[in-house]
C-alpha atoms as a PDB file:
ATOM      1  CA  UNK A   1      75.784  46.539 112.000  1.00  0.00           C
ATOM      2  CA  UNK A   2      77.995  49.103 109.479  1.00  0.00           C
ATOM      3  CA  UNK A   3      77.869  52.913 109.774  1.00  0.00           C
ATOM      4  CA  UNK A   4      76.128  53.564 106.312  1.00  0.00           C
ATOM      5  CA  UNK A   5      73.486  50.501 107.197  1.00  0.00           C
ATOM      6  CA  UNK A   6      72.566  52.820 110.404  1.00  0.00           C
ATOM      7  CA  UNK A   7      72.108  55.431 107.778  1.00  0.00           C
ATOM      8  CA  UNK A   8      70.325  53.916 105.778  1.00  0.00           C
ATOM      9  CA  UNK A   9      67.859  52.646 108.371  1.00  0.00           C
ATOM     10  CA  UNK A  10      67.431  55.755 109.680  1.00  0.00           C
ATOM     11  CA  UNK A  11      66.554  57.543 106.437  1.00  0.00           C
ATOM     12  CA  UNK A  12      64.020  54.497 105.642  1.00  0.00           C
ATOM     13  CA  UNK A  13      61.915  54.995 109.426  1.00  0.00           C
ATOM     14  CA  UNK A  14      62.496  59.101 108.898  1.00  0.00           C
ATOM     15  CA  UNK A  15      64.360  59.549 112.297  1.00  0.00           C
ATOM     16  CA  UNK A  16      67.064  61.755 111.651  1.00  0.00           C
ATOM     17  CA  UNK A  17      69.360  62.559 114.520  1.00  0.00           C
ATOM     18  CA  UNK A  18      69.430  66.346 115.202  1.00  0.00           C
ATOM     19  CA  UNK A  19      73.590  66.147 116.062  1.00  0.00           C
ATOM     20  CA  UNK A  20      75.766  63.874 114.169  1.00  0.00           C
ATOM     21  CA  UNK A  21      79.291  63.861 114.843  1.00  0.00           C
ATOM     22  CA  UNK A  22      81.327  60.964 112.102  1.00  0.00           C
ATOM     23  CA  UNK A  23      84.896  60.711 112.535  1.00  0.00           C
ATOM     24  CA  UNK A  24      87.534  58.441 111.049  1.00  0.00           C
ATOM     25  CA  UNK A  25      90.535  57.846 108.200  1.00  0.00           C
ATOM     26  CA  UNK A  26      87.725  56.457 105.730  1.00  0.00           C
ATOM     27  CA  UNK A  27      86.978  59.682 103.687  1.00  0.00           C
ATOM     28  CA  UNK A  28      85.225  57.295 100.896  1.00  0.00           C
ATOM     29  CA  UNK A  29      83.171  55.763 103.368  1.00  0.00           C
ATOM     30  CA  UNK A  30      82.266  59.204 105.342  1.00  0.00           C
ATOM     31  CA  UNK A  31      80.991  60.333 101.595  1.00  0.00           C
ATOM     32  CA  UNK A  32      79.223  57.221 100.844  1.00  0.00           C
ATOM     33  CA  UNK A  33      76.913  57.941 104.030  1.00  0.00           C
ATOM     34  CA  UNK A  34      76.924  61.381 103.241  1.00  0.00           C
ATOM     35  CA  UNK A  35      74.793  60.710  99.933  1.00  0.00           C
ATOM     36  CA  UNK A  36      72.961  58.516 101.802  1.00  0.00           C
ATOM     37  CA  UNK A  37      71.573  61.104 104.638  1.00  0.00           C
ATOM     38  CA  UNK A  38      71.431  63.825 101.673  1.00  0.00           C
ATOM     39  CA  UNK A  39      69.181  61.409 100.003  1.00  0.00           C
ATOM     40  CA  UNK A  40      66.433  62.352 102.805  1.00  0.00           C
ATOM     41  CA  UNK A  41      66.336  65.826 102.354  1.00  0.00           C
ATOM     42  CA  UNK A  42      66.360  65.703  98.826  1.00  0.00           C
ATOM     43  CA  UNK A  43      62.907  63.511  98.818  1.00  0.00           C
ATOM     44  CA  UNK A  44      61.150  66.638 100.238  1.00  0.00           C
ATOM     45  CA  UNK A  45      63.262  69.131  98.234  1.00  0.00           C
ATOM     46  CA  UNK A  46      64.898  67.822  95.150  1.00  0.00           C
ATOM     47  CA  UNK A  47      66.481  71.366  94.694  1.00  0.00           C
ATOM     48  CA  UNK A  48      68.607  70.521  97.550  1.00  0.00           C
ATOM     49  CA  UNK A  49      67.816  74.261  98.762  1.00  0.00           C
ATOM     50  CA  UNK A  50      67.861  72.696 102.731  1.00  0.00           C
ATOM     51  CA  UNK A  51      71.527  71.709 101.830  1.00  0.00           C
ATOM     52  CA  UNK A  52      74.083  73.201 103.415  1.00  0.00           C
ATOM     53  CA  UNK A  53      78.048  72.742 103.613  1.00  0.00           C
ATOM     54  CA  UNK A  54      80.412  74.759 105.235  1.00  0.00           C
ATOM     55  CA  UNK A  55      83.723  74.824 106.962  1.00  0.00           C
ATOM     56  CA  UNK A  56      84.724  74.593 110.890  1.00  0.00           C
ATOM     57  CA  UNK A  57      88.066  76.717 109.723  1.00  0.00           C
ATOM     58  CA  UNK A  58      86.058  79.279 107.712  1.00  0.00           C
ATOM     59  CA  UNK A  59      82.868  79.848 110.213  1.00  0.00           C
ATOM     60  CA  UNK A  60      83.191  80.813 113.916  1.00  0.00           C
ATOM     61  CA  UNK A  61      81.011  78.514 116.205  1.00  0.00           C
ATOM     62  CA  UNK A  62      78.540  81.332 116.835  1.00  0.00           C
ATOM     63  CA  UNK A  63      77.834  81.520 112.794  1.00  0.00           C
ATOM     64  CA  UNK A  64      77.509  77.482 112.780  1.00  0.00           C
ATOM     65  CA  UNK A  65      74.637  77.821 115.352  1.00  0.00           C
ATOM     66  CA  UNK A  66      73.204  80.491 113.421  1.00  0.00           C
ATOM     67  CA  UNK A  67      72.741  78.521 110.661  1.00  0.00           C
ATOM     68  CA  UNK A  68      71.581  75.543 112.495  1.00  0.00           C
ATOM     69  CA  UNK A  69      68.555  77.590 114.144  1.00  0.00           C
ATOM     70  CA  UNK A  70      67.421  78.960 110.647  1.00  0.00           C
ATOM     71  CA  UNK A  71      64.489  77.561 109.712  1.00  0.00           C
ATOM     72  CA  UNK A  72      63.064  77.067 106.256  1.00  0.00           C
ATOM     73  CA  UNK A  73      58.943  77.500 105.397  1.00  0.00           C
ATOM     74  CA  UNK A  74      59.624  74.542 102.897  1.00  0.00           C
ATOM     75  CA  UNK A  75      61.625  71.944 104.050  1.00  0.00           C
ATOM     76  CA  UNK A  76      64.141  70.510 106.869  1.00  0.00           C
ATOM     77  CA  UNK A  77      67.501  71.519 107.170  1.00  0.00           C
ATOM     78  CA  UNK A  78      70.951  69.483 106.781  1.00  0.00           C
ATOM     79  CA  UNK A  79      73.889  71.891 107.843  1.00  0.00           C
ATOM     80  CA  UNK A  80      76.861  69.795 107.147  1.00  0.00           C
ATOM     81  CA  UNK A  81      80.300  71.380 109.278  1.00  0.00           C
ATOM     82  CA  UNK A  82      83.187  69.503 107.412  1.00  0.00           C
ATOM     83  CA  UNK A  83      87.349  70.003 108.610  1.00  0.00           C
ATOM     84  CA  UNK A  84      85.952  69.866 112.174  1.00  0.00           C
ATOM     85  CA  UNK A  85      89.070  70.512 113.962  1.00  0.00           C
ATOM     86  CA  UNK A  86      87.774  71.216 117.673  1.00  0.00           C
ATOM     87  CA  UNK A  87      89.630  68.529 119.264  1.00  0.00           C
ATOM     88  CA  UNK A  88      92.946  69.976 118.760  1.00  0.00           C
ATOM     89  CA  UNK A  89      94.054  71.923 121.889  1.00  0.00           C
ATOM     90  CA  UNK A  90      93.168  75.697 122.540  1.00  0.00           C
ATOM     91  CA  UNK A  91      89.829  75.692 120.995  1.00  0.00           C
ATOM     92  CA  UNK A  92      87.456  75.386 124.384  1.00  0.00           C
ATOM     93  CA  UNK A  93      86.022  78.690 124.522  1.00  0.00           C
ATOM     94  CA  UNK A  94      84.019  79.436 121.570  1.00  0.00           C
ATOM     95  CA  UNK A  95      82.514  75.690 121.784  1.00  0.00           C
ATOM     96  CA  UNK A  96      80.564  76.441 124.636  1.00  0.00           C
ATOM     97  CA  UNK A  97      77.994  77.734 122.615  1.00  0.00           C
ATOM     98  CA  UNK A  98      77.610  74.286 120.992  1.00  0.00           C
ATOM     99  CA  UNK A  99      76.637  73.233 124.221  1.00  0.00           C
ATOM    100  CA  UNK A 100      73.910  75.457 124.580  1.00  0.00           C
ATOM    101  CA  UNK A 101      72.750  74.690 121.144  1.00  0.00           C
ATOM    102  CA  UNK A 102      73.023  70.666 121.887  1.00  0.00           C
ATOM    103  CA  UNK A 103      71.100  70.808 124.633  1.00  0.00           C
ATOM    104  CA  UNK A 104      68.348  72.546 122.874  1.00  0.00           C
ATOM    105  CA  UNK A 105      68.363  71.841 119.078  1.00  0.00           C
ATOM    106  CA  UNK A 106      66.363  73.296 116.175  1.00  0.00           C
ATOM    107  CA  UNK A 107      63.894  70.454 115.695  1.00  0.00           C
ATOM    108  CA  UNK A 108      64.125  71.024 111.458  1.00  0.00           C
ATOM    109  CA  UNK A 109      67.643  70.728 111.319  1.00  0.00           C
ATOM    110  CA  UNK A 110      69.885  68.112 111.428  1.00  0.00           C
ATOM    111  CA  UNK A 111      73.432  69.414 112.788  1.00  0.00           C
ATOM    112  CA  UNK A 112      76.147  66.903 110.973  1.00  0.00           C
ATOM    113  CA  UNK A 113      80.192  67.302 112.095  1.00  0.00           C
ATOM    114  CA  UNK A 114      82.574  65.618 109.826  1.00  0.00           C
ATOM    115  CA  UNK A 115      86.356  65.494 111.955  1.00  0.00           C
ATOM    116  CA  UNK A 116      89.134  62.894 110.551  1.00  0.00           C
ATOM    117  CA  UNK A 117      90.354  62.339 114.436  1.00  0.00           C
ATOM    118  CA  UNK A 118      88.828  63.244 117.874  1.00  0.00           C
ATOM    119  CA  UNK A 119      89.035  63.232 121.521  1.00  0.00           C
ATOM    120  CA  UNK A 120      86.563  61.465 123.642  1.00  0.00           C
ATOM    121  CA  UNK A 121      87.537  63.211 126.943  1.00  0.00           C
ATOM    122  CA  UNK A 122      86.367  66.540 125.493  1.00  0.00           C
ATOM    123  CA  UNK A 123      83.491  68.325 126.178  1.00  0.00           C
ATOM    124  CA  UNK A 124      82.094  68.936 123.058  1.00  0.00           C
ATOM    125  CA  UNK A 125      82.312  65.079 121.844  1.00  0.00           C
ATOM    126  CA  UNK A 126      80.458  64.441 125.472  1.00  0.00           C
ATOM    127  CA  UNK A 127      77.893  66.884 125.155  1.00  0.00           C
ATOM    128  CA  UNK A 128      77.208  65.892 121.486  1.00  0.00           C
ATOM    129  CA  UNK A 129      77.135  62.260 122.693  1.00  0.00           C
ATOM    130  CA  UNK A 130      74.389  63.355 124.574  1.00  0.00           C
ATOM    131  CA  UNK A 131      72.460  65.203 121.879  1.00  0.00           C
ATOM    132  CA  UNK A 132      72.947  62.971 119.211  1.00  0.00           C
ATOM    133  CA  UNK A 133      74.844  60.060 117.426  1.00  0.00           C
ATOM    134  CA  UNK A 134      78.556  59.410 116.852  1.00  0.00           C
ATOM    135  CA  UNK A 135      79.779  57.169 114.091  1.00  0.00           C
ATOM    136  CA  UNK A 136      83.014  56.379 113.710  1.00  0.00           C
ATOM    137  CA  UNK A 137      84.430  55.695 109.986  1.00  0.00           C
ATOM    138  CA  UNK A 138      87.081  53.164 109.541  1.00  0.00           C
ATOM    139  CA  UNK A 139      88.474  50.885 106.664  1.00  0.00           C
ATOM    140  CA  UNK A 140      88.781  47.233 107.479  1.00  0.00           C
ATOM    141  CA  UNK A 141      91.903  46.327 109.034  1.00  0.00           C
ATOM    142  CA  UNK A 142      92.091  42.349 109.178  1.00  0.00           C
ATOM    143  CA  UNK A 143      92.225  40.102 105.888  1.00  0.00           C
ATOM    144  CA  UNK A 144      88.392  38.780 107.126  1.00  0.00           C
ATOM    145  CA  UNK A 145      86.988  42.361 107.394  1.00  0.00           C
ATOM    146  CA  UNK A 146      88.150  42.916 104.010  1.00  0.00           C
ATOM    147  CA  UNK A 147      86.300  40.052 102.205  1.00  0.00           C
ATOM    148  CA  UNK A 148      83.722  41.106 104.431  1.00  0.00           C
ATOM    149  CA  UNK A 149      83.246  43.994 103.206  1.00  0.00           C
ATOM    150  CA  UNK A 150      83.935  43.379  99.571  1.00  0.00           C
ATOM    151  CA  UNK A 151      81.251  40.135 100.048  1.00  0.00           C
ATOM    152  CA  UNK A 152      78.460  43.489 101.436  1.00  0.00           C
ATOM    153  CA  UNK A 153      79.549  45.252  98.293  1.00  0.00           C
ATOM    154  CA  UNK A 154      78.825  42.262  96.161  1.00  0.00           C
ATOM    155  CA  UNK A 155      75.475  41.549  97.476  1.00  0.00           C
ATOM    156  CA  UNK A 156      74.379  45.458  97.012  1.00  0.00           C
ATOM    157  CA  UNK A 157      75.349  45.229  93.519  1.00  0.00           C
ATOM    158  CA  UNK A 158      73.736  41.590  92.909  1.00  0.00           C
ATOM    159  CA  UNK A 159      76.810  40.014  92.305  1.00  0.00           C
ATOM    160  CA  UNK A 160      79.089  37.425  93.938  1.00  0.00           C
ATOM    161  CA  UNK A 161      82.890  36.096  93.800  1.00  0.00           C
ATOM    162  CA  UNK A 162      83.950  32.959  95.560  1.00  0.00           C
ATOM    163  CA  UNK A 163      86.135  33.416  98.667  1.00  0.00           C
ATOM    164  CA  UNK A 164      89.721  32.933  97.164  1.00  0.00           C
ATOM    165  CA  UNK A 165      88.354  35.366  94.012  1.00  0.00           C
ATOM    166  CA  UNK A 166      87.552  37.709  96.468  1.00  0.00           C
ATOM    167  CA  UNK A 167      90.535  37.536  98.379  1.00  0.00           C
ATOM    168  CA  UNK A 168      92.710  38.024  94.932  1.00  0.00           C
ATOM    169  CA  UNK A 169      90.659  40.879  94.137  1.00  0.00           C
ATOM    170  CA  UNK A 170      91.820  42.976  97.171  1.00  0.00           C
ATOM    171  CA  UNK A 171      95.439  41.935  96.583  1.00  0.00           C
ATOM    172  CA  UNK A 172      95.105  43.154  92.602  1.00  0.00           C
ATOM    173  CA  UNK A 173      93.177  46.044  93.563  1.00  0.00           C
ATOM    174  CA  UNK A 174      94.832  47.260  96.892  1.00  0.00           C
ATOM    175  CA  UNK A 175      93.356  47.966 100.410  1.00  0.00           C
ATOM    176  CA  UNK A 176      91.123  51.313  99.253  1.00  0.00           C
ATOM    177  CA  UNK A 177      87.557  50.990 100.146  1.00  0.00           C
ATOM    178  CA  UNK A 178      86.777  53.695  97.463  1.00  0.00           C
ATOM    179  CA  UNK A 179      89.002  52.194  94.540  1.00  0.00           C
ATOM    180  CA  UNK A 180      87.658  48.856  95.337  1.00  0.00           C
ATOM    181  CA  UNK A 181      84.264  50.092  94.922  1.00  0.00           C
ATOM    182  CA  UNK A 182      84.747  51.790  91.744  1.00  0.00           C
ATOM    183  CA  UNK A 183      86.232  48.349  90.689  1.00  0.00           C
ATOM    184  CA  UNK A 184      83.621  46.859  91.413  1.00  0.00           C
ATOM    185  CA  UNK A 185      80.905  49.022  89.704  1.00  0.00           C
ATOM    186  CA  UNK A 186      83.280  48.813  86.422  1.00  0.00           C
ATOM    187  CA  UNK A 187      82.929  44.876  86.815  1.00  0.00           C
ATOM    188  CA  UNK A 188      79.053  44.985  87.354  1.00  0.00           C
ATOM    189  CA  UNK A 189      79.005  46.633  84.003  1.00  0.00           C
ATOM    190  CA  UNK A 190      81.242  44.644  82.306  1.00  0.00           C
ATOM    191  CA  UNK A 191      79.546  41.330  83.423  1.00  0.00           C
ATOM    192  CA  UNK A 192      76.236  42.444  82.471  1.00  0.00           C
ATOM    193  CA  UNK A 193      73.303  40.003  83.630  1.00  0.00           C
ATOM    194  CA  UNK A 194      76.122  37.277  84.784  1.00  0.00           C
ATOM    195  CA  UNK A 195      76.188  36.894  88.285  1.00  0.00           C
ATOM    196  CA  UNK A 196      79.408  35.524  89.180  1.00  0.00           C
ATOM    197  CA  UNK A 197      82.785  37.317  88.789  1.00  0.00           C
ATOM    198  CA  UNK A 198      85.813  35.304  87.900  1.00  0.00           C
ATOM    199  CA  UNK A 199      89.690  35.728  88.366  1.00  0.00           C
ATOM    200  CA  UNK A 200      89.655  36.404  84.627  1.00  0.00           C
ATOM    201  CA  UNK A 201      87.157  39.042  84.510  1.00  0.00           C
ATOM    202  CA  UNK A 202      89.484  40.842  87.176  1.00  0.00           C
ATOM    203  CA  UNK A 203      92.401  40.423  85.805  1.00  0.00           C
ATOM    204  CA  UNK A 204      91.364  41.738  82.430  1.00  0.00           C
ATOM    205  CA  UNK A 205      89.682  44.905  83.300  1.00  0.00           C
ATOM    206  CA  UNK A 206      91.370  45.764  87.401  1.00  0.00           C
ATOM    207  CA  UNK A 207      94.884  47.772  86.740  1.00  0.00           C
ATOM    208  CA  UNK A 208      97.037  45.958  89.489  1.00  0.00           C
ATOM    209  CA  UNK A 209      97.944  47.979  92.804  1.00  0.00           C
ATOM    210  CA  UNK A 210     101.466  49.286  92.696  1.00  0.00           C
ATOM    211  CA  UNK A 211     101.865  48.411  96.625  1.00  0.00           C
ATOM    212  CA  UNK A 212     101.115  44.680  95.528  1.00  0.00           C
ATOM    213  CA  UNK A 213     103.631  44.747  92.874  1.00  0.00           C
ATOM    214  CA  UNK A 214     106.013  45.876  95.143  1.00  0.00           C
ATOM    215  CA  UNK A 215     105.747  43.236  97.196  1.00  0.00           C
ATOM    216  CA  UNK A 216     106.147  40.659  94.311  1.00  0.00           C
ATOM    217  CA  UNK A 217     109.173  42.442  93.609  1.00  0.00           C
ATOM    218  CA  UNK A 218     110.733  42.177  96.904  1.00  0.00           C
ATOM    219  CA  UNK A 219     109.596  38.710  97.188  1.00  0.00           C
ATOM    220  CA  UNK A 220     111.828  38.069  93.513  1.00  0.00           C
ATOM    221  CA  UNK A 221     114.503  39.802  95.280  1.00  0.00           C
ATOM    222  CA  UNK A 222     114.452  37.852  98.145  1.00  0.00           C
ATOM    223  CA  UNK A 223     114.484  34.427  96.240  1.00  0.00           C
ATOM    224  CA  UNK A 224     117.232  36.081  94.457  1.00  0.00           C
ATOM    225  CA  UNK A 225     115.502  35.825  91.327  1.00  0.00           C
ATOM    226  CA  UNK A 226     116.806  38.333  89.449  1.00  0.00           C
ATOM    227  CA  UNK A 227     114.680  37.752  86.418  1.00  0.00           C
ATOM    228  CA  UNK A 228     111.371  37.651  87.854  1.00  0.00           C
ATOM    229  CA  UNK A 229     112.424  40.582  89.627  1.00  0.00           C
ATOM    230  CA  UNK A 230     113.337  42.518  86.748  1.00  0.00           C
ATOM    231  CA  UNK A 231     110.141  41.228  84.978  1.00  0.00           C
ATOM    232  CA  UNK A 232     107.877  42.989  87.618  1.00  0.00           C
ATOM    233  CA  UNK A 233     109.774  45.911  87.851  1.00  0.00           C
ATOM    234  CA  UNK A 234     109.397  46.609  84.140  1.00  0.00           C
ATOM    235  CA  UNK A 235     105.509  45.539  84.489  1.00  0.00           C
ATOM    236  CA  UNK A 236     105.164  48.268  86.996  1.00  0.00           C
ATOM    237  CA  UNK A 237     107.263  51.009  85.195  1.00  0.00           C
ATOM    238  CA  UNK A 238     105.023  50.679  82.440  1.00  0.00           C
ATOM    239  CA  UNK A 239     102.413  51.977  84.401  1.00  0.00           C
ATOM    240  CA  UNK A 240     104.507  54.174  87.184  1.00  0.00           C
ATOM    241  CA  UNK A 241     107.042  56.611  86.655  1.00  0.00           C
ATOM    242  CA  UNK A 242     110.104  55.564  88.259  1.00  0.00           C
ATOM    243  CA  UNK A 243     110.613  57.928  90.920  1.00  0.00           C
ATOM    244  CA  UNK A 244     107.368  56.656  92.434  1.00  0.00           C
ATOM    245  CA  UNK A 245     108.238  53.594  92.282  1.00  0.00           C
ATOM    246  CA  UNK A 246     111.966  54.204  93.715  1.00  0.00           C
ATOM    247  CA  UNK A 247     109.927  55.980  96.610  1.00  0.00           C
ATOM    248  CA  UNK A 248     107.620  52.910  97.424  1.00  0.00           C
ATOM    249  CA  UNK A 249     110.524  50.443  97.466  1.00  0.00           C
ATOM    250  CA  UNK A 250     112.509  52.977  99.478  1.00  0.00           C
ATOM    251  CA  UNK A 251     109.047  52.999 101.973  1.00  0.00           C
ATOM    252  CA  UNK A 252     108.957  49.017 101.990  1.00  0.00           C
ATOM    253  CA  UNK A 253     112.626  48.445 102.776  1.00  0.00           C
ATOM    254  CA  UNK A 254     112.277  50.407 105.714  1.00  0.00           C
ATOM    255  CA  UNK A 255     109.239  48.839 107.012  1.00  0.00           C
ATOM    256  CA  UNK A 256     111.023  45.535 106.376  1.00  0.00           C
ATOM    257  CA  UNK A 257     114.247  47.169 108.586  1.00  0.00           C
ATOM    258  CA  UNK A 258     111.675  47.815 111.111  1.00  0.00           C
ATOM    259  CA  UNK A 259     110.117  44.551 111.184  1.00  0.00           C
ATOM    260  CA  UNK A 260     113.387  43.206 111.986  1.00  0.00           C
ATOM    261  CA  UNK A 261     114.591  45.441 114.218  1.00  0.00           C
ATOM    262  CA  UNK A 262     111.396  44.629 116.303  1.00  0.00           C
ATOM    263  CA  UNK A 263     111.725  41.047 116.198  1.00  0.00           C
ATOM    264  CA  UNK A 264     115.347  41.591 117.691  1.00  0.00           C
ATOM    265  CA  UNK A 265     113.881  43.010 120.740  1.00  0.00           C
ATOM    266  CA  UNK A 266     111.800  40.415 121.027  1.00  0.00           C
ATOM    267  CA  UNK A 267     108.062  41.919 119.630  1.00  0.00           C
ATOM    268  CA  UNK A 268     105.419  40.457 117.906  1.00  0.00           C
ATOM    269  CA  UNK A 269     103.316  41.396 115.077  1.00  0.00           C
ATOM    270  CA  UNK A 270     100.334  41.778 117.265  1.00  0.00           C
ATOM    271  CA  UNK A 271     102.631  45.243 118.543  1.00  0.00           C
ATOM    272  CA  UNK A 272     104.173  45.973 115.380  1.00  0.00           C
ATOM    273  CA  UNK A 273     101.074  48.187 113.618  1.00  0.00           C
ATOM    274  CA  UNK A 274     101.717  50.731 116.322  1.00  0.00           C
ATOM    275  CA  UNK A 275     105.419  50.245 116.184  1.00  0.00           C
ATOM    276  CA  UNK A 276     105.723  50.728 112.606  1.00  0.00           C
ATOM    277  CA  UNK A 277     102.504  53.040 111.861  1.00  0.00           C
ATOM    278  CA  UNK A 278     100.331  51.217 109.547  1.00  0.00           C
ATOM    279  CA  UNK A 279      97.302  48.671 109.556  1.00  0.00           C
ATOM    280  CA  UNK A 280      97.583  45.426 110.334  1.00  0.00           C
ATOM    281  CA  UNK A 281      96.970  43.998 107.106  1.00  0.00           C
ATOM    282  CA  UNK A 282      99.749  45.592 106.108  1.00  0.00           C
ATOM    283  CA  UNK A 283     101.991  44.216 108.990  1.00  0.00           C
ATOM    284  CA  UNK A 284     101.110  41.026 108.566  1.00  0.00           C
ATOM    285  CA  UNK A 285     102.368  41.083 104.937  1.00  0.00           C
ATOM    286  CA  UNK A 286     105.169  43.083 105.861  1.00  0.00           C
ATOM    287  CA  UNK A 287     106.271  40.823 108.629  1.00  0.00           C
ATOM    288  CA  UNK A 288     105.910  37.235 106.456  1.00  0.00           C
ATOM    289  CA  UNK A 289     108.299  39.273 103.764  1.00  0.00           C
ATOM    290  CA  UNK A 290     111.343  40.296 106.616  1.00  0.00           C
ATOM    291  CA  UNK A 291     111.662  36.837 107.577  1.00  0.00           C
ATOM    292  CA  UNK A 292     113.155  36.071 104.426  1.00  0.00           C
ATOM    293  CA  UNK A 293     115.244  39.067 104.028  1.00  0.00           C
ATOM    294  CA  UNK A 294     117.887  39.851 106.543  1.00  0.00           C
ATOM    295  CA  UNK A 295     118.925  42.938 108.155  1.00  0.00           C
ATOM    296  CA  UNK A 296     122.329  43.068 106.149  1.00  0.00           C
ATOM    297  CA  UNK A 297     120.448  42.369 102.875  1.00  0.00           C
ATOM    298  CA  UNK A 298     117.855  45.217 103.774  1.00  0.00           C
ATOM    299  CA  UNK A 299     120.534  47.647 104.638  1.00  0.00           C
ATOM    300  CA  UNK A 300     122.070  46.887 101.482  1.00  0.00           C
ATOM    301  CA  UNK A 301     119.384  47.426  99.928  1.00  0.00           C
ATOM    302  CA  UNK A 302     118.471  50.497 101.394  1.00  0.00           C
ATOM    303  CA  UNK A 303     122.008  52.229 100.246  1.00  0.00           C
ATOM    304  CA  UNK A 304     121.715  51.108  96.886  1.00  0.00           C
ATOM    305  CA  UNK A 305     117.988  52.938  96.755  1.00  0.00           C
ATOM    306  CA  UNK A 306     119.350  56.340  98.040  1.00  0.00           C
ATOM    307  CA  UNK A 307     121.924  55.999  95.575  1.00  0.00           C
ATOM    308  CA  UNK A 308     120.072  55.622  92.853  1.00  0.00           C
ATOM    309  CA  UNK A 309     117.556  58.755  94.123  1.00  0.00           C
ATOM    310  CA  UNK A 310     120.489  60.816  93.689  1.00  0.00           C
ATOM    311  CA  UNK A 311     121.510  59.419  90.487  1.00  0.00           C
ATOM    312  CA  UNK A 312     117.987  59.950  89.316  1.00  0.00           C
ATOM    313  CA  UNK A 313     117.445  63.509  90.222  1.00  0.00           C
ATOM    314  CA  UNK A 314     121.277  64.289  89.269  1.00  0.00           C
ATOM    315  CA  UNK A 315     120.544  62.954  85.787  1.00  0.00           C
ATOM    316  CA  UNK A 316     122.839  60.429  86.173  1.00  0.00           C
ATOM    317  CA  UNK A 317     121.500  57.953  83.666  1.00  0.00           C
ATOM    318  CA  UNK A 318     118.243  56.486  82.055  1.00  0.00           C
ATOM    319  CA  UNK A 319     115.486  56.255  84.878  1.00  0.00           C
ATOM    320  CA  UNK A 320     114.672  52.452  83.686  1.00  0.00           C
ATOM    321  CA  UNK A 321     117.961  51.730  83.397  1.00  0.00           C
ATOM    322  CA  UNK A 322     119.046  52.649  87.182  1.00  0.00           C
ATOM    323  CA  UNK A 323     116.446  50.801  88.243  1.00  0.00           C
ATOM    324  CA  UNK A 324     117.227  47.856  86.502  1.00  0.00           C
ATOM    325  CA  UNK A 325     120.769  48.104  87.826  1.00  0.00           C
ATOM    326  CA  UNK A 326     119.369  48.807  91.500  1.00  0.00           C
ATOM    327  CA  UNK A 327     117.384  45.591  91.387  1.00  0.00           C
ATOM    328  CA  UNK A 328     120.150  43.290  89.737  1.00  0.00           C
ATOM    329  CA  UNK A 329     122.356  44.324  92.931  1.00  0.00           C
ATOM    330  CA  UNK A 330     119.603  43.562  95.460  1.00  0.00           C
ATOM    331  CA  UNK A 331     119.463  40.052  93.740  1.00  0.00           C
ATOM    332  CA  UNK A 332     123.209  39.292  94.642  1.00  0.00           C
END
């Protein structure tokens, strides 16, 4: 069950845990779940006076425990502790106060901790796990997981897409849950009562992600098709600043070089995500593209990127023209 569905179920049953820890890199999914949890408290107090947001960087554990122990005469309370860094080294002494609170939490308060990363071996984590509920919010990683996520979002909006269209939508809009959700909302408004979203709908309304265009650009370079590469470059430059485009090209070339180096060492695509520091989904695409570009080509491309970067920053020419010249050299 998706994390947000678990929260919805708890709200529907009126069974809110006294203590939560939500963690993960996907801030959009966490904020989406937080809105659902807040709805439980708005039902009894539309003013939201029982909801308090605090920062672990600004308040001590003692001050947070004091707020959690504060009761309201009118409604239950939700205390949300953001920017939690309690899993970092050196933070142990004051956290003992939380252990005491977890053993006897205030029944009228839900104490929610939100962290980007956690350490499951710490006492704080184990004590919280015994007292409440821990949820991890991660964006989909593999192609099928992304498709499943999009189809669930479409179902919530009472719309549909063919599998091929959904795949193209993800490629077109990018692999960010928040962006995809916003684009789906726009498509729903655009469509009105019509149920099925088509590829034409997506292309007419959804802006293409820069990362997707960079992949197309390097595909054209790999095929040494300078006309197609320049056409893609012009499309990208209509939407983005030349320095941003160059930065993404540099990143992509470095990832491709990393793939080639890892392949020469006998490594495989399954181990590449941890080596490259990117998601499994992006790794699959980069790995496939790296097969078509030799190390010599990529080293030359990286050198040209650095030369172009220097020219851009020192006024060595018109930015668009400098990038065009660079792409032509890539294709030679």
